[in-house]
Amino acid sequence: MIGRLFWFALGAGVAVWAVGKLRSTVRRASPGAIGTRVVDSIAGLGDSARDFTDRVRTATAEREAELRAELHLPADGAEGLALPE
């Protein structure tokens, strides 16, 4: 009798756990939830791209300043440059 009660309780517990898992899976697979995840991913991708371009611009400006210093060119770039004739 105790063995049957144990197995019944174990089966009921597994069933409750499985139903909970199934509900959460269905909730995550709903169109609204998928749309939200896609929007969040795209926003994160946009932020990553913006961060990358900011770093590239900064590195480009630093390297240009280094090259101008090595070549003894003016800092702003336009002044003092003469095209050879």
N, C-alpha and C. Protein backbone atom coordinates (compact mmCIF):
# COMPACT_ATOMS: atom_id res chain seq x y z
N MET A 1 0.82 -1.20 0.00
CA MET A 1 0.00 0.00 0.00
C MET A 1 0.87 1.27 0.00
N ILE A 2 1.91 1.32 0.84
CA ILE A 2 2.78 2.48 0.90
C ILE A 2 3.52 2.65 -0.43
N GLY A 3 3.91 1.54 -1.04
CA GLY A 3 4.62 1.59 -2.32
C GLY A 3 3.75 2.20 -3.41
N ARG A 4 2.47 1.82 -3.44
CA ARG A 4 1.55 2.38 -4.43
C ARG A 4 1.35 3.87 -4.21
N LEU A 5 1.23 4.27 -2.96
CA LEU A 5 1.06 5.69 -2.63
C LEU A 5 2.30 6.48 -3.04
N PHE A 6 3.48 5.92 -2.80
CA PHE A 6 4.73 6.57 -3.21
C PHE A 6 4.77 6.78 -4.72
N TRP A 7 4.47 5.74 -5.48
CA TRP A 7 4.53 5.84 -6.94
C TRP A 7 3.46 6.78 -7.48
N PHE A 8 2.29 6.79 -6.83
CA PHE A 8 1.24 7.72 -7.24
C PHE A 8 1.69 9.17 -7.02
N ALA A 9 2.28 9.45 -5.84
CA ALA A 9 2.74 10.80 -5.53
C ALA A 9 3.88 11.20 -6.47
N LEU A 10 4.77 10.27 -6.76
CA LEU A 10 5.87 10.56 -7.68
C LEU A 10 5.34 10.86 -9.08
N GLY A 11 4.38 10.09 -9.54
CA GLY A 11 3.77 10.31 -10.85
C GLY A 11 3.05 11.65 -10.91
N ALA A 12 2.34 11.99 -9.85
CA ALA A 12 1.63 13.27 -9.81
C ALA A 12 2.63 14.43 -9.83
N GLY A 13 3.70 14.29 -9.09
CA GLY A 13 4.72 15.34 -9.08
C GLY A 13 5.36 15.53 -10.44
N VAL A 14 5.68 14.43 -11.11
CA VAL A 14 6.27 14.50 -12.45
C VAL A 14 5.27 15.13 -13.42
N ALA A 15 4.00 14.79 -13.29
CA ALA A 15 2.97 15.36 -14.18
C ALA A 15 2.85 16.86 -13.97
N VAL A 16 2.86 17.32 -12.73
CA VAL A 16 2.78 18.76 -12.46
C VAL A 16 4.02 19.47 -13.03
N TRP A 17 5.18 18.89 -12.84
CA TRP A 17 6.41 19.48 -13.38
C TRP A 17 6.36 19.55 -14.92
N ALA A 18 5.89 18.47 -15.55
CA ALA A 18 5.83 18.42 -17.02
C ALA A 18 4.84 19.45 -17.56
N VAL A 19 3.70 19.60 -16.90
CA VAL A 19 2.72 20.59 -17.35
C VAL A 19 3.30 22.00 -17.21
N GLY A 20 4.01 22.25 -16.14
CA GLY A 20 4.65 23.57 -15.97
C GLY A 20 5.68 23.84 -17.06
N LYS A 21 6.50 22.86 -17.38
CA LYS A 21 7.49 23.00 -18.45
C LYS A 21 6.80 23.24 -19.80
N LEU A 22 5.74 22.49 -20.05
CA LEU A 22 5.01 22.63 -21.30
C LEU A 22 4.40 24.02 -21.43
N ARG A 23 3.84 24.53 -20.36
CA ARG A 23 3.25 25.88 -20.39
C ARG A 23 4.32 26.93 -20.65
N SER A 24 5.46 26.81 -20.01
CA SER A 24 6.51 27.82 -20.24
C SER A 24 7.06 27.74 -21.66
N THR A 25 7.14 26.53 -22.22
CA THR A 25 7.60 26.37 -23.59
C THR A 25 6.60 26.98 -24.56
N VAL A 26 5.32 26.75 -24.34
CA VAL A 26 4.29 27.32 -25.19
C VAL A 26 4.30 28.85 -25.08
N ARG A 27 4.49 29.36 -23.88
CA ARG A 27 4.54 30.81 -23.67
C ARG A 27 5.73 31.42 -24.41
N ARG A 28 6.90 30.75 -24.39
CA ARG A 28 8.08 31.26 -25.08
C ARG A 28 7.95 31.14 -26.59
N ALA A 29 7.10 30.22 -27.07
CA ALA A 29 6.95 30.00 -28.50
C ALA A 29 5.80 30.81 -29.10
N SER A 30 5.15 31.63 -28.31
CA SER A 30 4.05 32.43 -28.84
C SER A 30 4.60 33.51 -29.77
N PRO A 31 3.82 33.96 -30.73
CA PRO A 31 4.30 34.97 -31.68
C PRO A 31 4.74 36.26 -31.00
N GLY A 32 4.05 36.66 -29.96
CA GLY A 32 4.44 37.89 -29.26
C GLY A 32 5.80 37.76 -28.60
N ALA A 33 6.04 36.61 -27.97
CA ALA A 33 7.33 36.39 -27.30
C ALA A 33 8.46 36.30 -28.31
N ILE A 34 8.21 35.63 -29.42
CA ILE A 34 9.24 35.53 -30.47
C ILE A 34 9.53 36.91 -31.04
N GLY A 35 8.50 37.69 -31.29
CA GLY A 35 8.68 39.05 -31.79
C GLY A 35 9.49 39.91 -30.84
N THR A 36 9.22 39.79 -29.56
CA THR A 36 9.97 40.55 -28.56
C THR A 36 11.45 40.16 -28.57
N ARG A 37 11.73 38.86 -28.67
CA ARG A 37 13.12 38.41 -28.70
C ARG A 37 13.83 38.91 -29.96
N VAL A 38 13.13 38.91 -31.09
CA VAL A 38 13.73 39.38 -32.33
C VAL A 38 14.03 40.88 -32.24
N VAL A 39 13.10 41.64 -31.71
CA VAL A 39 13.32 43.09 -31.56
C VAL A 39 14.49 43.36 -30.63
N ASP A 40 14.57 42.63 -29.53
CA ASP A 40 15.68 42.81 -28.59
C ASP A 40 17.01 42.45 -29.25
N SER A 41 17.03 41.40 -30.05
CA SER A 41 18.26 41.00 -30.73
C SER A 41 18.70 42.05 -31.74
N ILE A 42 17.74 42.59 -32.49
CA ILE A 42 18.07 43.62 -33.47
C ILE A 42 18.58 44.88 -32.78
N ALA A 43 17.96 45.25 -31.67
CA ALA A 43 18.41 46.42 -30.92
C ALA A 43 19.83 46.20 -30.40
N GLY A 44 20.11 45.00 -29.92
CA GLY A 44 21.46 44.69 -29.45
C GLY A 44 22.47 44.72 -30.58
N LEU A 45 22.06 44.25 -31.74
CA LEU A 45 22.94 44.28 -32.91
C LEU A 45 23.23 45.71 -33.32
N GLY A 46 22.22 46.56 -33.28
CA GLY A 46 22.42 47.98 -33.60
C GLY A 46 23.37 48.65 -32.62
N ASP A 47 23.22 48.33 -31.35
CA ASP A 47 24.12 48.90 -30.34
C ASP A 47 25.55 48.43 -30.56
N SER A 48 25.72 47.16 -30.92
CA SER A 48 27.05 46.63 -31.18
C SER A 48 27.68 47.30 -32.39
N ALA A 49 26.89 47.49 -33.43
CA ALA A 49 27.40 48.15 -34.64
C ALA A 49 27.78 49.59 -34.35
N ARG A 50 26.97 50.29 -33.58
CA ARG A 50 27.27 51.67 -33.22
C ARG A 50 28.56 51.75 -32.40
N ASP A 51 28.71 50.84 -31.45
CA ASP A 51 29.92 50.80 -30.64
C ASP A 51 31.16 50.52 -31.50
N PHE A 52 31.01 49.58 -32.45
CA PHE A 52 32.12 49.26 -33.35
C PHE A 52 32.52 50.47 -34.18
N THR A 53 31.55 51.17 -34.76
CA THR A 53 31.89 52.33 -35.59
C THR A 53 32.52 53.44 -34.76
N ASP A 54 32.06 53.61 -33.53
CA ASP A 54 32.69 54.62 -32.66
C ASP A 54 34.15 54.27 -32.39
N ARG A 55 34.42 53.00 -32.13
CA ARG A 55 35.80 52.58 -31.89
C ARG A 55 36.67 52.74 -33.12
N VAL A 56 36.11 52.42 -34.30
CA VAL A 56 36.87 52.58 -35.54
C VAL A 56 37.18 54.04 -35.79
N ARG A 57 36.22 54.92 -35.59
CA ARG A 57 36.45 56.36 -35.78
C ARG A 57 37.52 56.88 -34.83
N THR A 58 37.46 56.46 -33.58
CA THR A 58 38.46 56.89 -32.61
C THR A 58 39.85 56.40 -32.99
N ALA A 59 39.95 55.12 -33.36
CA ALA A 59 41.24 54.56 -33.75
C ALA A 59 41.77 55.23 -35.02
N THR A 60 40.89 55.54 -35.96
CA THR A 60 41.30 56.22 -37.19
C THR A 60 41.85 57.61 -36.88
N ALA A 61 41.15 58.34 -36.02
CA ALA A 61 41.60 59.69 -35.67
C ALA A 61 42.95 59.63 -34.94
N GLU A 62 43.12 58.65 -34.05
CA GLU A 62 44.40 58.53 -33.35
C GLU A 62 45.53 58.20 -34.30
N ARG A 63 45.28 57.27 -35.21
CA ARG A 63 46.33 56.89 -36.17
C ARG A 63 46.66 58.04 -37.11
N GLU A 64 45.64 58.80 -37.52
CA GLU A 64 45.89 59.95 -38.38
C GLU A 64 46.74 60.99 -37.66
N ALA A 65 46.46 61.20 -36.38
CA ALA A 65 47.25 62.15 -35.59
C ALA A 65 48.70 61.67 -35.48
N GLU A 66 48.89 60.36 -35.29
CA GLU A 66 50.25 59.82 -35.23
C GLU A 66 50.99 60.02 -36.54
N LEU A 67 50.32 59.73 -37.64
CA LEU A 67 50.96 59.90 -38.95
C LEU A 67 51.28 61.35 -39.23
N ARG A 68 50.39 62.25 -38.88
CA ARG A 68 50.65 63.69 -39.10
C ARG A 68 51.84 64.15 -38.26
N ALA A 69 51.95 63.63 -37.05
CA ALA A 69 53.08 64.00 -36.19
C ALA A 69 54.39 63.47 -36.79
N GLU A 70 54.37 62.24 -37.30
CA GLU A 70 55.59 61.66 -37.88
C GLU A 70 56.00 62.36 -39.16
N LEU A 71 55.03 62.82 -39.93
CA LEU A 71 55.32 63.47 -41.21
C LEU A 71 55.41 64.99 -41.10
N HIS A 72 55.26 65.49 -39.89
CA HIS A 72 55.33 66.93 -39.61
C HIS A 72 54.31 67.70 -40.44
N LEU A 73 53.10 67.21 -40.46
CA LEU A 73 52.00 67.87 -41.16
C LEU A 73 51.16 68.61 -40.13
N PRO A 74 50.43 69.65 -40.56
CA PRO A 74 49.55 70.36 -39.61
C PRO A 74 48.46 69.44 -39.06
N ALA A 75 47.99 69.75 -37.90
CA ALA A 75 47.05 68.88 -37.21
C ALA A 75 45.67 68.85 -37.87
N ASP A 76 45.22 69.98 -38.45
CA ASP A 76 43.88 69.99 -39.01
C ASP A 76 43.81 69.42 -40.42
N GLY A 77 44.90 69.27 -41.07
CA GLY A 77 44.92 68.57 -42.35
C GLY A 77 44.88 69.45 -43.57
N ALA A 78 44.10 70.52 -43.60
CA ALA A 78 43.93 71.30 -44.82
C ALA A 78 44.99 72.40 -44.97
N GLU A 79 45.44 72.95 -43.89
CA GLU A 79 46.38 74.06 -43.96
C GLU A 79 47.78 73.59 -44.28
N GLY A 80 48.48 74.37 -45.08
CA GLY A 80 49.87 74.12 -45.34
C GLY A 80 50.16 73.02 -46.31
N LEU A 81 49.16 72.40 -46.86
CA LEU A 81 49.40 71.36 -47.85
C LEU A 81 49.41 71.99 -49.24
N ALA A 82 50.46 71.75 -49.93
CA ALA A 82 50.54 72.29 -51.28
C ALA A 82 50.76 71.12 -52.24
N LEU A 83 50.01 71.15 -53.32
CA LEU A 83 50.17 70.12 -54.32
C LEU A 83 51.40 70.42 -55.17
N PRO A 84 52.17 69.42 -55.48
CA PRO A 84 53.34 69.67 -56.32
C PRO A 84 52.90 70.08 -57.73
N GLU A 85 53.66 71.02 -58.28
CA GLU A 85 53.30 71.52 -59.61
C GLU A 85 54.16 70.91 -60.66
